[in-house]
PDB file of all heavy atoms in Angstrom:
ATOM      1  N   ASP A   1     -80.410  11.901 -50.777  1.00  0.00           N
ATOM      2  CA  ASP A   1     -80.869  10.578 -50.512  1.00  0.00           C
ATOM      3  C   ASP A   1     -79.935   9.669 -49.681  1.00  0.00           C
ATOM      4  O   ASP A   1     -80.320   8.900 -48.840  1.00  0.00           O
ATOM      5  CB  ASP A   1     -81.066   9.851 -51.965  1.00  0.00           C
ATOM      6  CG  ASP A   1     -81.550   8.358 -51.791  1.00  0.00           C
ATOM      7  OD1 ASP A   1     -82.725   8.229 -51.556  1.00  0.00           O
ATOM      8  OD2 ASP A   1     -80.709   7.516 -51.979  1.00  0.00           O
ATOM      9  N   CYS A   2     -78.593   9.820 -49.907  1.00  0.00           N
ATOM     10  CA  CYS A   2     -77.655   9.098 -49.126  1.00  0.00           C
ATOM     11  C   CYS A   2     -77.710   9.435 -47.701  1.00  0.00           C
ATOM     12  O   CYS A   2     -77.707   8.503 -46.767  1.00  0.00           O
ATOM     13  CB  CYS A   2     -76.251   9.364 -49.712  1.00  0.00           C
ATOM     14  SG  CYS A   2     -74.933   8.422 -48.892  1.00  0.00           S
ATOM     15  N   HIS A   3     -77.872  10.720 -47.374  1.00  0.00           N
ATOM     16  CA  HIS A   3     -78.037  11.122 -46.020  1.00  0.00           C
ATOM     17  C   HIS A   3     -79.259  10.517 -45.315  1.00  0.00           C
ATOM     18  O   HIS A   3     -79.208  10.028 -44.285  1.00  0.00           O
ATOM     19  CB  HIS A   3     -78.099  12.663 -46.028  1.00  0.00           C
ATOM     20  CG  HIS A   3     -78.304  13.253 -44.599  1.00  0.00           C
ATOM     21  ND1 HIS A   3     -79.558  13.307 -43.968  1.00  0.00           N
ATOM     22  CD2 HIS A   3     -77.478  13.916 -43.840  1.00  0.00           C
ATOM     23  CE1 HIS A   3     -79.294  14.049 -42.797  1.00  0.00           C
ATOM     24  NE2 HIS A   3     -78.120  14.327 -42.710  1.00  0.00           N
ATOM     25  N   GLN A   4     -80.396  10.547 -46.067  1.00  0.00           N
ATOM     26  CA  GLN A   4     -81.630   9.957 -45.489  1.00  0.00           C
ATOM     27  C   GLN A   4     -81.600   8.536 -45.278  1.00  0.00           C
ATOM     28  O   GLN A   4     -82.145   7.868 -44.525  1.00  0.00           O
ATOM     29  CB  GLN A   4     -82.728  10.472 -46.317  1.00  0.00           C
ATOM     30  CG  GLN A   4     -83.066  11.911 -46.231  1.00  0.00           C
ATOM     31  CD  GLN A   4     -83.263  12.441 -44.852  1.00  0.00           C
ATOM     32  OE1 GLN A   4     -82.296  12.816 -44.119  1.00  0.00           O
ATOM     33  NE2 GLN A   4     -84.482  12.445 -44.382  1.00  0.00           N
ATOM     34  N   SER A   5     -80.843   7.821 -46.177  1.00  0.00           N
ATOM     35  CA  SER A   5     -80.625   6.461 -46.085  1.00  0.00           C
ATOM     36  C   SER A   5     -79.941   6.008 -44.745  1.00  0.00           C
ATOM     37  O   SER A   5     -80.374   5.083 -44.065  1.00  0.00           O
ATOM     38  CB  SER A   5     -79.804   5.843 -47.330  1.00  0.00           C
ATOM     39  OG  SER A   5     -79.602   4.480 -47.110  1.00  0.00           O
ATOM     40  N   VAL A   6     -78.872   6.816 -44.443  1.00  0.00           N
ATOM     41  CA  VAL A   6     -78.158   6.472 -43.230  1.00  0.00           C
ATOM     42  C   VAL A   6     -78.994   6.946 -41.948  1.00  0.00           C
ATOM     43  O   VAL A   6     -79.049   6.229 -40.945  1.00  0.00           O
ATOM     44  CB  VAL A   6     -76.811   7.184 -43.237  1.00  0.00           C
ATOM     45  CG1 VAL A   6     -76.205   7.163 -41.811  1.00  0.00           C
ATOM     46  CG2 VAL A   6     -75.932   6.714 -44.287  1.00  0.00           C
ATOM     47  N   VAL A   7     -79.775   7.986 -42.101  1.00  0.00           N
ATOM     48  CA  VAL A   7     -80.762   8.387 -41.016  1.00  0.00           C
ATOM     49  C   VAL A   7     -81.705   7.392 -40.737  1.00  0.00           C
ATOM     50  O   VAL A   7     -81.961   6.947 -39.643  1.00  0.00           O
ATOM     51  CB  VAL A   7     -81.410   9.775 -41.341  1.00  0.00           C
ATOM     52  CG1 VAL A   7     -82.531  10.011 -40.434  1.00  0.00           C
ATOM     53  CG2 VAL A   7     -80.388  10.941 -41.314  1.00  0.00           C
ATOM     54  N   GLY A   8     -82.288   6.828 -41.839  1.00  0.00           N
ATOM     55  CA  GLY A   8     -83.227   5.678 -41.615  1.00  0.00           C
ATOM     56  C   GLY A   8     -82.635   4.450 -41.114  1.00  0.00           C
ATOM     57  O   GLY A   8     -83.262   3.762 -40.166  1.00  0.00           O
ATOM     58  N   ALA A   9     -81.460   4.054 -41.462  1.00  0.00           N
ATOM     59  CA  ALA A   9     -80.763   2.957 -40.802  1.00  0.00           C
ATOM     60  C   ALA A   9     -80.428   3.101 -39.428  1.00  0.00           C
ATOM     61  O   ALA A   9     -80.609   2.137 -38.540  1.00  0.00           O
ATOM     62  CB  ALA A   9     -79.401   2.611 -41.616  1.00  0.00           C
ATOM     63  N   LEU A  10     -80.001   4.388 -39.001  1.00  0.00           N
ATOM     64  CA  LEU A  10     -79.721   4.617 -37.566  1.00  0.00           C
ATOM     65  C   LEU A  10     -81.021   4.577 -36.690  1.00  0.00           C
ATOM     66  O   LEU A  10     -81.015   4.072 -35.622  1.00  0.00           O
ATOM     67  CB  LEU A  10     -79.119   5.971 -37.492  1.00  0.00           C
ATOM     68  CG  LEU A  10     -77.698   6.049 -37.826  1.00  0.00           C
ATOM     69  CD1 LEU A  10     -77.251   7.478 -38.047  1.00  0.00           C
ATOM     70  CD2 LEU A  10     -76.769   5.500 -36.704  1.00  0.00           C
ATOM     71  N   TYR A  11     -82.119   5.168 -37.280  1.00  0.00           N
ATOM     72  CA  TYR A  11     -83.394   5.071 -36.529  1.00  0.00           C
ATOM     73  C   TYR A  11     -83.831   3.667 -36.357  1.00  0.00           C
ATOM     74  O   TYR A  11     -84.286   3.333 -35.260  1.00  0.00           O
ATOM     75  CB  TYR A  11     -84.410   5.841 -37.383  1.00  0.00           C
ATOM     76  CG  TYR A  11     -85.784   5.910 -36.881  1.00  0.00           C
ATOM     77  CD1 TYR A  11     -86.114   6.601 -35.717  1.00  0.00           C
ATOM     78  CD2 TYR A  11     -86.827   5.044 -37.394  1.00  0.00           C
ATOM     79  CE1 TYR A  11     -87.401   6.581 -35.226  1.00  0.00           C
ATOM     80  CE2 TYR A  11     -88.112   5.006 -36.832  1.00  0.00           C
ATOM     81  CZ  TYR A  11     -88.359   5.798 -35.831  1.00  0.00           C
ATOM     82  OH  TYR A  11     -89.652   5.694 -35.306  1.00  0.00           O
ATOM     83  N   ALA A  12     -83.748   2.834 -37.414  1.00  0.00           N
ATOM     84  CA  ALA A  12     -84.245   1.423 -37.354  1.00  0.00           C
ATOM     85  C   ALA A  12     -83.274   0.718 -36.316  1.00  0.00           C
ATOM     86  O   ALA A  12     -83.787  -0.146 -35.570  1.00  0.00           O
ATOM     87  CB  ALA A  12     -84.134   0.829 -38.703  1.00  0.00           C
ATOM     88  N   LEU A  13     -82.044   0.938 -36.309  1.00  0.00           N
ATOM     89  CA  LEU A  13     -81.130   0.307 -35.432  1.00  0.00           C
ATOM     90  C   LEU A  13     -81.362   0.618 -34.021  1.00  0.00           C
ATOM     91  O   LEU A  13     -81.439  -0.214 -33.148  1.00  0.00           O
ATOM     92  CB  LEU A  13     -79.674   0.645 -35.847  1.00  0.00           C
ATOM     93  CG  LEU A  13     -78.545   0.060 -34.887  1.00  0.00           C
ATOM     94  CD1 LEU A  13     -78.549  -1.445 -34.935  1.00  0.00           C
ATOM     95  CD2 LEU A  13     -77.196   0.537 -35.279  1.00  0.00           C
ATOM     96  N   LEU A  14     -81.613   1.899 -33.743  1.00  0.00           N
ATOM     97  CA  LEU A  14     -81.911   2.296 -32.336  1.00  0.00           C
ATOM     98  C   LEU A  14     -83.226   1.731 -31.897  1.00  0.00           C
ATOM     99  O   LEU A  14     -83.326   1.316 -30.708  1.00  0.00           O
ATOM    100  CB  LEU A  14     -81.866   3.837 -32.204  1.00  0.00           C
ATOM    101  CG  LEU A  14     -80.459   4.546 -32.090  1.00  0.00           C
ATOM    102  CD1 LEU A  14     -80.705   6.014 -31.826  1.00  0.00           C
ATOM    103  CD2 LEU A  14     -79.670   3.958 -30.943  1.00  0.00           C
ATOM    104  N   ARG A  15     -84.244   1.825 -32.724  1.00  0.00           N
ATOM    105  CA  ARG A  15     -85.484   1.217 -32.385  1.00  0.00           C
ATOM    106  C   ARG A  15     -85.399  -0.305 -31.947  1.00  0.00           C
ATOM    107  O   ARG A  15     -85.982  -0.716 -30.967  1.00  0.00           O
ATOM    108  CB  ARG A  15     -86.493   1.382 -33.508  1.00  0.00           C
ATOM    109  CG  ARG A  15     -86.929   2.774 -33.840  1.00  0.00           C
ATOM    110  CD  ARG A  15     -88.131   3.165 -33.214  1.00  0.00           C
ATOM    111  NE  ARG A  15     -89.290   2.370 -33.799  1.00  0.00           N
ATOM    112  CZ  ARG A  15     -90.592   2.806 -33.472  1.00  0.00           C
ATOM    113  NH1 ARG A  15     -90.889   3.717 -32.627  1.00  0.00           N
ATOM    114  NH2 ARG A  15     -91.628   2.089 -34.092  1.00  0.00           N
ATOM    115  N   GLU A  16     -84.557  -0.997 -32.757  1.00  0.00           N
ATOM    116  CA  GLU A  16     -84.335  -2.428 -32.476  1.00  0.00           C
ATOM    117  C   GLU A  16     -83.637  -2.635 -31.161  1.00  0.00           C
ATOM    118  O   GLU A  16     -83.991  -3.411 -30.305  1.00  0.00           O
ATOM    119  CB  GLU A  16     -83.651  -3.081 -33.611  1.00  0.00           C
ATOM    120  CG  GLU A  16     -83.393  -4.485 -33.326  1.00  0.00           C
ATOM    121  CD  GLU A  16     -82.546  -5.187 -34.579  1.00  0.00           C
ATOM    122  OE1 GLU A  16     -82.223  -4.465 -35.450  1.00  0.00           O
ATOM    123  OE2 GLU A  16     -82.367  -6.420 -34.515  1.00  0.00           O
ATOM    124  N   LEU A  17     -82.559  -1.898 -30.859  1.00  0.00           N
ATOM    125  CA  LEU A  17     -81.712  -1.971 -29.700  1.00  0.00           C
ATOM    126  C   LEU A  17     -82.572  -1.617 -28.489  1.00  0.00           C
ATOM    127  O   LEU A  17     -82.464  -2.288 -27.419  1.00  0.00           O
ATOM    128  CB  LEU A  17     -80.533  -1.035 -29.773  1.00  0.00           C
ATOM    129  CG  LEU A  17     -79.352  -1.524 -30.774  1.00  0.00           C
ATOM    130  CD1 LEU A  17     -78.274  -0.350 -30.818  1.00  0.00           C
ATOM    131  CD2 LEU A  17     -78.816  -2.792 -30.194  1.00  0.00           C
ATOM    132  N   THR A  18     -83.365  -0.575 -28.547  1.00  0.00           N
ATOM    133  CA  THR A  18     -84.167  -0.126 -27.309  1.00  0.00           C
ATOM    134  C   THR A  18     -85.365  -0.964 -27.104  1.00  0.00           C
ATOM    135  O   THR A  18     -85.761  -1.077 -25.968  1.00  0.00           O
ATOM    136  CB  THR A  18     -84.421   1.328 -27.493  1.00  0.00           C
ATOM    137  OG1 THR A  18     -85.246   1.490 -28.719  1.00  0.00           O
ATOM    138  CG2 THR A  18     -83.296   2.221 -27.562  1.00  0.00           C
ATOM    139  N   ARG A  19     -85.991  -1.573 -28.113  1.00  0.00           N
ATOM    140  CA  ARG A  19     -87.124  -2.356 -27.912  1.00  0.00           C
ATOM    141  C   ARG A  19     -86.902  -3.832 -27.656  1.00  0.00           C
ATOM    142  O   ARG A  19     -87.386  -4.347 -26.705  1.00  0.00           O
ATOM    143  CB  ARG A  19     -88.068  -2.257 -29.185  1.00  0.00           C
ATOM    144  CG  ARG A  19     -88.808  -0.952 -29.294  1.00  0.00           C
ATOM    145  CD  ARG A  19     -89.776  -0.855 -30.447  1.00  0.00           C
ATOM    146  NE  ARG A  19     -90.512   0.367 -30.483  1.00  0.00           N
ATOM    147  CZ  ARG A  19     -91.638   0.582 -31.257  1.00  0.00           C
ATOM    148  NH1 ARG A  19     -91.941  -0.367 -32.060  1.00  0.00           N
ATOM    149  NH2 ARG A  19     -92.255   1.673 -31.180  1.00  0.00           N
ATOM    150  N   GLN A  20     -85.972  -4.423 -28.325  1.00  0.00           N
ATOM    151  CA  GLN A  20     -85.823  -5.907 -28.114  1.00  0.00           C
ATOM    152  C   GLN A  20     -85.002  -6.134 -26.870  1.00  0.00           C
ATOM    153  O   GLN A  20     -85.049  -7.269 -26.410  1.00  0.00           O
ATOM    154  CB  GLN A  20     -85.030  -6.450 -29.432  1.00  0.00           C
ATOM    155  CG  GLN A  20     -85.871  -6.447 -30.656  1.00  0.00           C
ATOM    156  CD  GLN A  20     -85.269  -7.152 -31.773  1.00  0.00           C
ATOM    157  OE1 GLN A  20     -84.138  -7.703 -31.670  1.00  0.00           O
ATOM    158  NE2 GLN A  20     -85.909  -7.301 -32.856  1.00  0.00           N
ATOM    159  N   THR A  21     -84.272  -5.144 -26.344  1.00  0.00           N
ATOM    160  CA  THR A  21     -83.434  -5.350 -25.238  1.00  0.00           C
ATOM    161  C   THR A  21     -84.205  -4.704 -24.042  1.00  0.00           C
ATOM    162  O   THR A  21     -83.540  -4.677 -22.893  1.00  0.00           O
ATOM    163  CB  THR A  21     -82.052  -4.773 -25.333  1.00  0.00           C
ATOM    164  OG1 THR A  21     -82.217  -3.269 -25.516  1.00  0.00           O
ATOM    165  CG2 THR A  21     -81.378  -5.271 -26.464  1.00  0.00           C
ATOM    166  N   ALA A  22     -85.475  -4.374 -24.156  1.00  0.00           N
ATOM    167  CA  ALA A  22     -86.095  -3.771 -23.045  1.00  0.00           C
ATOM    168  C   ALA A  22     -85.574  -2.486 -22.391  1.00  0.00           C
ATOM    169  O   ALA A  22     -85.848  -2.156 -21.261  1.00  0.00           O
ATOM    170  CB  ALA A  22     -86.439  -4.741 -21.959  1.00  0.00           C
ATOM    171  N   LEU A  23     -84.717  -1.862 -23.139  1.00  0.00           N
ATOM    172  CA  LEU A  23     -84.136  -0.609 -22.695  1.00  0.00           C
ATOM    173  C   LEU A  23     -85.139   0.499 -22.619  1.00  0.00           C
ATOM    174  O   LEU A  23     -85.149   1.352 -21.711  1.00  0.00           O
ATOM    175  CB  LEU A  23     -82.963  -0.168 -23.668  1.00  0.00           C
ATOM    176  CG  LEU A  23     -82.216   1.049 -23.170  1.00  0.00           C
ATOM    177  CD1 LEU A  23     -81.514   0.870 -21.821  1.00  0.00           C
ATOM    178  CD2 LEU A  23     -81.098   1.446 -24.264  1.00  0.00           C
ATOM    179  N   GLY A  24     -86.058   0.503 -23.575  1.00  0.00           N
ATOM    180  CA  GLY A  24     -87.164   1.501 -23.561  1.00  0.00           C
ATOM    181  C   GLY A  24     -86.718   2.830 -24.042  1.00  0.00           C
ATOM    182  O   GLY A  24     -85.693   3.060 -24.646  1.00  0.00           O
ATOM    183  N   GLY A  25     -87.539   3.894 -23.642  1.00  0.00           N
ATOM    184  CA  GLY A  25     -87.270   5.220 -24.150  1.00  0.00           C
ATOM    185  C   GLY A  25     -87.905   5.518 -25.506  1.00  0.00           C
ATOM    186  O   GLY A  25     -88.670   4.757 -25.948  1.00  0.00           O
ATOM    187  N   VAL A  26     -87.572   6.662 -26.071  1.00  0.00           N
ATOM    188  CA  VAL A  26     -88.162   7.175 -27.289  1.00  0.00           C
ATOM    189  C   VAL A  26     -87.091   7.524 -28.300  1.00  0.00           C
ATOM    190  O   VAL A  26     -86.112   8.203 -27.953  1.00  0.00           O
ATOM    191  CB  VAL A  26     -88.918   8.369 -27.014  1.00  0.00           C
ATOM    192  CG1 VAL A  26     -89.518   9.054 -28.294  1.00  0.00           C
ATOM    193  CG2 VAL A  26     -90.127   8.115 -26.000  1.00  0.00           C
ATOM    194  N   VAL A  27     -87.188   7.014 -29.452  1.00  0.00           N
ATOM    195  CA  VAL A  27     -86.360   7.273 -30.611  1.00  0.00           C
ATOM    196  C   VAL A  27     -87.031   8.178 -31.625  1.00  0.00           C
ATOM    197  O   VAL A  27     -88.149   7.822 -31.958  1.00  0.00           O
ATOM    198  CB  VAL A  27     -85.877   5.939 -31.319  1.00  0.00           C
ATOM    199  CG1 VAL A  27     -84.851   6.333 -32.411  1.00  0.00           C
ATOM    200  CG2 VAL A  27     -85.168   4.977 -30.324  1.00  0.00           C
ATOM    201  N   ARG A  28     -86.465   9.225 -32.006  1.00  0.00           N
ATOM    202  CA  ARG A  28     -86.999  10.233 -32.970  1.00  0.00           C
ATOM    203  C   ARG A  28     -85.968  10.600 -33.974  1.00  0.00           C
ATOM    204  O   ARG A  28     -84.826  10.455 -33.752  1.00  0.00           O
ATOM    205  CB  ARG A  28     -87.510  11.413 -32.256  1.00  0.00           C
ATOM    206  CG  ARG A  28     -88.753  11.132 -31.288  1.00  0.00           C
ATOM    207  CD  ARG A  28     -89.926  10.819 -32.083  1.00  0.00           C
ATOM    208  NE  ARG A  28     -91.148  10.676 -31.247  1.00  0.00           N
ATOM    209  CZ  ARG A  28     -91.597   9.377 -30.760  1.00  0.00           C
ATOM    210  NH1 ARG A  28     -90.820   8.360 -31.097  1.00  0.00           N
ATOM    211  NH2 ARG A  28     -92.596   9.319 -29.986  1.00  0.00           N
ATOM    212  N   LEU A  29     -86.465  11.161 -35.119  1.00  0.00           N
ATOM    213  CA  LEU A  29     -85.585  11.489 -36.119  1.00  0.00           C
ATOM    214  C   LEU A  29     -85.999  12.927 -36.736  1.00  0.00           C
ATOM    215  O   LEU A  29     -87.167  13.269 -36.469  1.00  0.00           O
ATOM    216  CB  LEU A  29     -85.483  10.564 -37.312  1.00  0.00           C
ATOM    217  CG  LEU A  29     -86.663  10.289 -38.272  1.00  0.00           C
ATOM    218  CD1 LEU A  29     -86.260   9.457 -39.436  1.00  0.00           C
ATOM    219  CD2 LEU A  29     -87.880   9.598 -37.519  1.00  0.00           C
ATOM    220  N   SER A  30     -85.156  13.529 -37.421  1.00  0.00           N
ATOM    221  CA  SER A  30     -85.380  14.847 -37.995  1.00  0.00           C
ATOM    222  C   SER A  30     -86.378  14.834 -39.087  1.00  0.00           C
ATOM    223  O   SER A  30     -86.380  13.761 -39.812  1.00  0.00           O
ATOM    224  CB  SER A  30     -84.110  15.619 -38.434  1.00  0.00           C
ATOM    225  OG  SER A  30     -83.485  14.790 -39.462  1.00  0.00           O
ATOM    226  N   PRO A  31     -87.136  15.849 -39.484  1.00  0.00           N
ATOM    227  CA  PRO A  31     -86.962  17.153 -38.719  1.00  0.00           C
ATOM    228  C   PRO A  31     -87.882  17.255 -37.531  1.00  0.00           C
ATOM    229  O   PRO A  31     -89.147  17.119 -37.639  1.00  0.00           O
ATOM    230  CB  PRO A  31     -87.520  18.113 -39.847  1.00  0.00           C
ATOM    231  CG  PRO A  31     -88.418  17.347 -40.658  1.00  0.00           C
ATOM    232  CD  PRO A  31     -87.952  15.888 -40.639  1.00  0.00           C
ATOM    233  N   LEU A  32     -87.319  17.442 -36.339  1.00  0.00           N
ATOM    234  CA  LEU A  32     -88.040  17.568 -35.105  1.00  0.00           C
ATOM    235  C   LEU A  32     -87.307  18.501 -34.184  1.00  0.00           C
ATOM    236  O   LEU A  32     -86.094  18.211 -33.914  1.00  0.00           O
ATOM    237  CB  LEU A  32     -88.417  16.264 -34.458  1.00  0.00           C
ATOM    238  CG  LEU A  32     -89.120  16.244 -33.150  1.00  0.00           C
ATOM    239  CD1 LEU A  32     -90.417  16.935 -33.334  1.00  0.00           C
ATOM    240  CD2 LEU A  32     -89.246  14.929 -32.571  1.00  0.00           C
ATOM    241  N   ASP A  33     -87.793  19.523 -33.706  1.00  0.00           N
ATOM    242  CA  ASP A  33     -87.141  20.560 -32.862  1.00  0.00           C
ATOM    243  C   ASP A  33     -86.904  19.951 -31.513  1.00  0.00           C
ATOM    244  O   ASP A  33     -87.699  19.413 -30.926  1.00  0.00           O
ATOM    245  CB  ASP A  33     -87.914  21.879 -32.767  1.00  0.00           C
ATOM    246  CG  ASP A  33     -87.972  22.679 -34.098  1.00  0.00           C
ATOM    247  OD1 ASP A  33     -87.126  22.348 -34.937  1.00  0.00           O
ATOM    248  OD2 ASP A  33     -88.783  23.512 -34.191  1.00  0.00           O
ATOM    249  N   VAL A  34     -85.630  20.250 -31.032  1.00  0.00           N
ATOM    250  CA  VAL A  34     -85.249  19.942 -29.625  1.00  0.00           C
ATOM    251  C   VAL A  34     -84.814  21.377 -29.033  1.00  0.00           C
ATOM    252  O   VAL A  34     -83.787  21.876 -29.469  1.00  0.00           O
ATOM    253  CB  VAL A  34     -84.129  18.927 -29.566  1.00  0.00           C
ATOM    254  CG1 VAL A  34     -83.743  18.771 -28.068  1.00  0.00           C
ATOM    255  CG2 VAL A  34     -84.582  17.597 -30.147  1.00  0.00           C
ATOM    256  N   TYR A  35     -85.580  21.798 -28.126  1.00  0.00           N
ATOM    257  CA  TYR A  35     -85.179  23.147 -27.431  1.00  0.00           C
ATOM    258  C   TYR A  35     -84.101  22.854 -26.286  1.00  0.00           C
ATOM    259  O   TYR A  35     -84.479  22.309 -25.254  1.00  0.00           O
ATOM    260  CB  TYR A  35     -86.476  23.754 -26.865  1.00  0.00           C
ATOM    261  CG  TYR A  35     -87.345  24.366 -27.879  1.00  0.00           C
ATOM    262  CD1 TYR A  35     -88.031  23.494 -28.808  1.00  0.00           C
ATOM    263  CD2 TYR A  35     -87.527  25.689 -28.079  1.00  0.00           C
ATOM    264  CE1 TYR A  35     -88.893  24.061 -29.817  1.00  0.00           C
ATOM    265  CE2 TYR A  35     -88.299  26.236 -29.072  1.00  0.00           C
ATOM    266  CZ  TYR A  35     -89.023  25.406 -29.856  1.00  0.00           C
ATOM    267  OH  TYR A  35     -89.746  25.948 -30.843  1.00  0.00           O
ATOM    268  N   LEU A  36     -82.915  23.240 -26.560  1.00  0.00           N
ATOM    269  CA  LEU A  36     -81.851  23.055 -25.548  1.00  0.00           C
ATOM    270  C   LEU A  36     -81.848  24.140 -24.453  1.00  0.00           C
ATOM    271  O   LEU A  36     -81.628  23.837 -23.301  1.00  0.00           O
ATOM    272  CB  LEU A  36     -80.466  23.077 -26.277  1.00  0.00           C
ATOM    273  CG  LEU A  36     -80.230  21.801 -27.174  1.00  0.00           C
ATOM    274  CD1 LEU A  36     -78.840  21.968 -27.838  1.00  0.00           C
ATOM    275  CD2 LEU A  36     -80.424  20.499 -26.397  1.00  0.00           C
ATOM    276  N   ASP A  37     -82.104  25.314 -24.935  1.00  0.00           N
ATOM    277  CA  ASP A  37     -82.110  26.566 -23.988  1.00  0.00           C
ATOM    278  C   ASP A  37     -82.841  27.698 -24.635  1.00  0.00           C
ATOM    279  O   ASP A  37     -83.513  27.517 -25.690  1.00  0.00           O
ATOM    280  CB  ASP A  37     -80.724  26.811 -23.461  1.00  0.00           C
ATOM    281  CG  ASP A  37     -79.754  27.223 -24.601  1.00  0.00           C
ATOM    282  OD1 ASP A  37     -80.166  27.899 -25.532  1.00  0.00           O
ATOM    283  OD2 ASP A  37     -78.493  26.880 -24.522  1.00  0.00           O
ATOM    284  N   ALA A  38     -82.698  28.867 -24.147  1.00  0.00           N
ATOM    285  CA  ALA A  38     -83.444  30.027 -24.495  1.00  0.00           C
ATOM    286  C   ALA A  38     -83.011  30.549 -25.854  1.00  0.00           C
ATOM    287  O   ALA A  38     -83.741  31.354 -26.485  1.00  0.00           O
ATOM    288  CB  ALA A  38     -83.379  31.158 -23.473  1.00  0.00           C
ATOM    289  N   VAL A  39     -81.863  30.123 -26.379  1.00  0.00           N
ATOM    290  CA  VAL A  39     -81.427  30.662 -27.700  1.00  0.00           C
ATOM    291  C   VAL A  39     -80.924  29.556 -28.613  1.00  0.00           C
ATOM    292  O   VAL A  39     -80.343  29.869 -29.679  1.00  0.00           O
ATOM    293  CB  VAL A  39     -80.318  31.693 -27.515  1.00  0.00           C
ATOM    294  CG1 VAL A  39     -80.869  32.956 -26.930  1.00  0.00           C
ATOM    295  CG2 VAL A  39     -79.128  31.176 -26.666  1.00  0.00           C
ATOM    296  N   ASN A  40     -81.187  28.326 -28.266  1.00  0.00           N
ATOM    297  CA  ASN A  40     -80.716  27.188 -29.170  1.00  0.00           C
ATOM    298  C   ASN A  40     -81.734  26.116 -29.298  1.00  0.00           C
ATOM    299  O   ASN A  40     -82.253  25.528 -28.376  1.00  0.00           O
ATOM    300  CB  ASN A  40     -79.402  26.539 -28.512  1.00  0.00           C
ATOM    301  CG  ASN A  40     -78.258  27.461 -28.592  1.00  0.00           C
ATOM    302  OD1 ASN A  40     -77.688  27.652 -29.644  1.00  0.00           O
ATOM    303  ND2 ASN A  40     -77.772  27.952 -27.390  1.00  0.00           N
ATOM    304  N   VAL A  41     -82.190  26.031 -30.586  1.00  0.00           N
ATOM    305  CA  VAL A  41     -83.117  24.960 -30.877  1.00  0.00           C
ATOM    306  C   VAL A  41     -82.558  24.150 -32.112  1.00  0.00           C
ATOM    307  O   VAL A  41     -82.295  24.667 -33.157  1.00  0.00           O
ATOM    308  CB  VAL A  41     -84.472  25.565 -31.317  1.00  0.00           C
ATOM    309  CG1 VAL A  41     -85.495  24.472 -31.638  1.00  0.00           C
ATOM    310  CG2 VAL A  41     -85.074  26.516 -30.329  1.00  0.00           C
ATOM    311  N   VAL A  42     -82.313  22.812 -31.903  1.00  0.00           N
ATOM    312  CA  VAL A  42     -81.631  22.069 -32.827  1.00  0.00           C
ATOM    313  C   VAL A  42     -82.554  20.927 -33.416  1.00  0.00           C
ATOM    314  O   VAL A  42     -83.583  20.673 -32.826  1.00  0.00           O
ATOM    315  CB  VAL A  42     -80.381  21.452 -32.333  1.00  0.00           C
ATOM    316  CG1 VAL A  42     -79.358  22.531 -32.001  1.00  0.00           C
ATOM    317  CG2 VAL A  42     -80.678  20.663 -30.990  1.00  0.00           C
ATOM    318  N   GLN A  43     -82.133  20.353 -34.517  1.00  0.00           N
ATOM    319  CA  GLN A  43     -82.798  19.226 -35.048  1.00  0.00           C
ATOM    320  C   GLN A  43     -81.786  18.084 -35.330  1.00  0.00           C
ATOM    321  O   GLN A  43     -81.251  17.969 -36.416  1.00  0.00           O
ATOM    322  CB  GLN A  43     -83.491  19.646 -36.454  1.00  0.00           C
ATOM    323  CG  GLN A  43     -84.595  20.569 -36.292  1.00  0.00           C
ATOM    324  CD  GLN A  43     -85.431  20.737 -37.590  1.00  0.00           C
ATOM    325  OE1 GLN A  43     -84.929  20.350 -38.643  1.00  0.00           O
ATOM    326  NE2 GLN A  43     -86.593  21.405 -37.544  1.00  0.00           N
ATOM    327  N   PRO A  44     -81.484  17.374 -34.267  1.00  0.00           N
ATOM    328  CA  PRO A  44     -80.597  16.177 -34.486  1.00  0.00           C
ATOM    329  C   PRO A  44     -81.117  15.251 -35.475  1.00  0.00           C
ATOM    330  O   PRO A  44     -82.345  15.057 -35.572  1.00  0.00           O
ATOM    331  CB  PRO A  44     -80.483  15.535 -33.154  1.00  0.00           C
ATOM    332  CG  PRO A  44     -81.037  16.563 -32.152  1.00  0.00           C
ATOM    333  CD  PRO A  44     -82.040  17.382 -32.859  1.00  0.00           C
ATOM    334  N   ASP A  45     -80.296  14.572 -36.299  1.00  0.00           N
ATOM    335  CA  ASP A  45     -80.745  13.638 -37.322  1.00  0.00           C
ATOM    336  C   ASP A  45     -81.397  12.539 -36.650  1.00  0.00           C
ATOM    337  O   ASP A  45     -82.550  12.155 -37.151  1.00  0.00           O
ATOM    338  CB  ASP A  45     -79.628  13.191 -38.224  1.00  0.00           C
ATOM    339  CG  ASP A  45     -79.140  14.218 -39.134  1.00  0.00           C
ATOM    340  OD1 ASP A  45     -79.900  14.887 -39.805  1.00  0.00           O
ATOM    341  OD2 ASP A  45     -77.863  14.408 -39.233  1.00  0.00           O
TER     342      ASP A  45
END
């Protein structure tokens, strides 16, 4: 629960920073696969 609380706070913070400042882009949180190369697939928090 503690881990997910911090993940949620980070997600909310990044959403605010990127939306309210018109920086744009996409914010995502785990579990979601990111394919880095042919042998590495990670799930950043």
